[in-house]
Every structure is written in structure tokens, then in C-alpha cells.
Amino acid sequence: QVQPVESGGGSVQAGGSLRLSCTDRGSFDSTYCMGWFRQAPGKEREGVAHINYFDASTYADSVKGRFTISKDNARRTLYLQMNSLEPEDSATYYCAMGRTRWRICKDDEYDYWGKGTQVTVSS
């Protein structure tokens, strides 16, 4: 089965940058939809960015212009480049993949989840 594993989280000051990575440890299929979610304490999980096989992407309004989702099929790796980070971005970030192929997935179409990586942005 697909087993996403995130890395790259950490603590940064406001205005800084982080690059998150997600590598599959199982039966990755490059045609799967992929995305990043985040959840802060006391808040519901939020879809951050989504990408499909053709590298079409969508973003939450709160991160547009600051975050970029990308992937490297050969390396079986998904990325989230986060720039101009704000304290409000602090959360646990999760990599997710869905069995839906070719197209971008909706928030409820993901099947496999990583354990998360913590991002803390200080003012």
C-alpha cells in the first residue's frame, strides 16, 4: 500500500521559508492525485494545495502566492515550498495521496496519509 512520509518541518521566524517533502514508502503510482493538508490545534484539517499527474495545481486562498506544490515522479517525491511564512501557518502538515488518477482530488478523495510534520512560525 501507499505509505507517505513527510519531512522538512521545523521552526522558522515570520517571513522565512521551509520546503516540505513527501516520499512514498509503498506502491506509489504517479497518476495518483496528491496534496498537502494542515491542522492547527483547535482547528479542522485544511486542504492547502493539490496537484495531479499533469502538474495542474490548486491552492487554498490563504496560501496563494506564497506556497508552491510540485512533484518529481522519478524520485517519487512531493514538495511544498513555503515562502513568506506567517505565524498563522503554524500547524502539523500532512502529505496525502488518493487512488483517483489523472485529475486533482477533492478534500474527501484522499486515501493515504502521512503521520505529519510540524511547522512552527514565530513572530
Protein backbone atom coordinates (compact mmCIF):
# COMPACT_ATOMS: atom_id res chain seq x y z
CA GLN A 1 0.00 0.00 0.00
CA VAL A 2 0.99 3.63 -0.37
CA GLN A 3 2.78 4.96 2.70
CA PRO A 4 3.58 8.69 2.51
CA VAL A 5 6.32 10.01 4.77
CA GLU A 6 6.80 13.74 5.31
CA SER A 7 9.98 15.59 6.16
CA GLY A 8 11.29 19.13 6.25
CA GLY A 9 9.24 20.64 9.04
CA GLY A 10 10.81 22.85 11.64
CA SER A 11 10.76 26.20 13.37
CA VAL A 12 11.29 29.45 11.49
CA GLN A 13 10.72 33.14 12.02
CA ALA A 14 7.96 35.02 10.26
CA GLY A 15 8.95 35.80 6.70
CA GLY A 16 11.13 32.73 6.43
CA SER A 17 10.82 29.70 4.20
CA LEU A 18 10.57 25.96 4.51
CA ARG A 19 10.48 23.18 1.97
CA LEU A 20 8.47 20.11 2.87
CA SER A 21 9.00 16.79 1.14
CA CYS A 22 6.88 13.68 0.96
CA THR A 23 8.17 10.35 -0.26
CA ASP A 24 6.09 7.24 -0.76
CA ARG A 25 7.27 4.12 1.03
CA GLY A 26 4.91 1.79 -0.77
CA SER A 27 3.20 1.22 -4.09
CA PHE A 28 3.29 4.77 -5.40
CA ASP A 29 1.60 5.44 -8.72
CA SER A 30 2.50 8.70 -10.42
CA THR A 31 -1.03 9.03 -11.77
CA TYR A 32 -2.48 9.36 -8.26
CA CYS A 33 -3.69 12.69 -7.06
CA MET A 34 -1.57 14.21 -4.32
CA GLY A 35 -1.85 17.06 -1.89
CA TRP A 36 -0.88 18.79 1.32
CA PHE A 37 -3.11 19.42 4.29
CA ARG A 38 -2.53 21.10 7.61
CA GLN A 39 -4.16 21.15 11.00
CA ALA A 40 -3.56 23.62 13.80
CA PRO A 41 -4.59 22.98 17.41
CA GLY A 42 -8.30 23.51 17.87
CA LYS A 43 -8.97 23.80 14.14
CA GLU A 44 -10.19 21.43 11.48
CA ARG A 45 -7.90 19.98 8.89
CA GLU A 46 -7.45 22.31 5.94
CA GLY A 47 -6.55 21.47 2.37
CA VAL A 48 -3.51 23.54 1.44
CA ALA A 49 -2.53 22.53 -2.08
CA HIS A 50 -3.34 19.82 -4.59
CA ILE A 51 -1.64 18.51 -7.71
CA ASN A 52 -2.35 15.95 -10.40
CA TYR A 53 -0.26 13.88 -12.77
CA PHE A 54 -0.10 16.70 -15.28
CA ASP A 55 1.13 19.16 -12.64
CA ALA A 56 -2.07 21.14 -12.60
CA SER A 57 -2.45 22.58 -9.13
CA THR A 58 -4.85 24.37 -6.83
CA TYR A 59 -4.29 26.25 -3.58
CA ALA A 60 -6.19 27.44 -0.57
CA ASP A 61 -6.78 31.17 -0.72
CA SER A 62 -4.75 31.64 2.43
CA VAL A 63 -1.53 30.40 0.80
CA LYS A 64 -1.86 31.58 -2.80
CA GLY A 65 1.22 33.43 -3.93
CA ARG A 66 3.28 32.09 -1.03
CA PHE A 67 3.22 28.29 -1.34
CA THR A 68 4.09 26.16 -4.34
CA ILE A 69 3.31 22.47 -4.72
CA SER A 70 5.39 20.37 -7.07
CA LYS A 71 6.49 16.80 -7.57
CA ASP A 72 9.21 14.67 -9.06
CA ASN A 73 7.77 11.45 -10.39
CA ALA A 74 11.16 9.81 -10.87
CA ARG A 75 12.07 10.45 -7.23
CA ARG A 76 8.57 9.56 -6.02
CA THR A 77 8.59 12.81 -4.09
CA LEU A 78 6.04 15.54 -3.48
CA TYR A 79 7.14 19.00 -2.36
CA LEU A 80 5.63 22.04 -0.75
CA GLN A 81 7.73 25.18 -0.95
CA MET A 82 6.50 27.63 1.67
CA ASN A 83 7.67 31.23 1.46
CA SER A 84 6.77 34.35 3.43
CA LEU A 85 5.63 32.19 6.31
CA GLU A 86 3.33 33.69 8.88
CA PRO A 87 2.55 32.59 12.45
CA GLU A 88 -0.91 31.59 11.19
CA ASP A 89 0.79 28.94 9.05
CA SER A 90 1.90 27.05 12.15
CA ALA A 91 0.37 23.60 12.04
CA THR A 92 1.03 19.95 11.50
CA TYR A 93 1.35 19.41 7.77
CA TYR A 94 0.23 16.16 6.20
CA CYS A 95 1.01 14.66 2.84
CA ALA A 96 -1.88 12.81 1.25
CA MET A 97 -2.42 10.69 -1.83
CA GLY A 98 -5.55 9.34 -3.45
CA ARG A 99 -6.24 6.43 -5.75
CA THR A 100 -8.08 8.76 -8.10
CA ARG A 101 -5.97 9.07 -11.22
CA TRP A 102 -5.21 11.82 -13.72
CA ARG A 103 -7.14 14.60 -12.02
CA ILE A 104 -6.94 16.78 -8.94
CA CYS A 105 -8.68 15.29 -5.95
CA LYS A 106 -11.20 16.95 -3.72
CA ASP A 107 -10.52 17.07 0.00
CA ASP A 108 -12.57 13.93 0.66
CA GLU A 109 -10.97 11.85 -2.09
CA TYR A 110 -7.65 11.08 -0.42
CA ASP A 111 -6.90 7.55 0.73
CA TYR A 112 -3.38 7.57 2.16
CA TRP A 113 -1.95 9.89 4.77
CA GLY A 114 1.42 10.55 6.29
CA LYS A 115 1.91 11.00 10.01
CA GLY A 116 2.62 14.69 9.65
CA THR A 117 5.49 17.10 10.12
CA GLN A 118 5.36 20.07 12.46
CA VAL A 119 5.81 23.62 11.20
CA THR A 120 6.16 26.40 13.72
CA VAL A 121 6.43 30.03 12.66
CA SER A 122 7.36 32.56 15.32
CA SER A 123 6.78 36.30 15.20
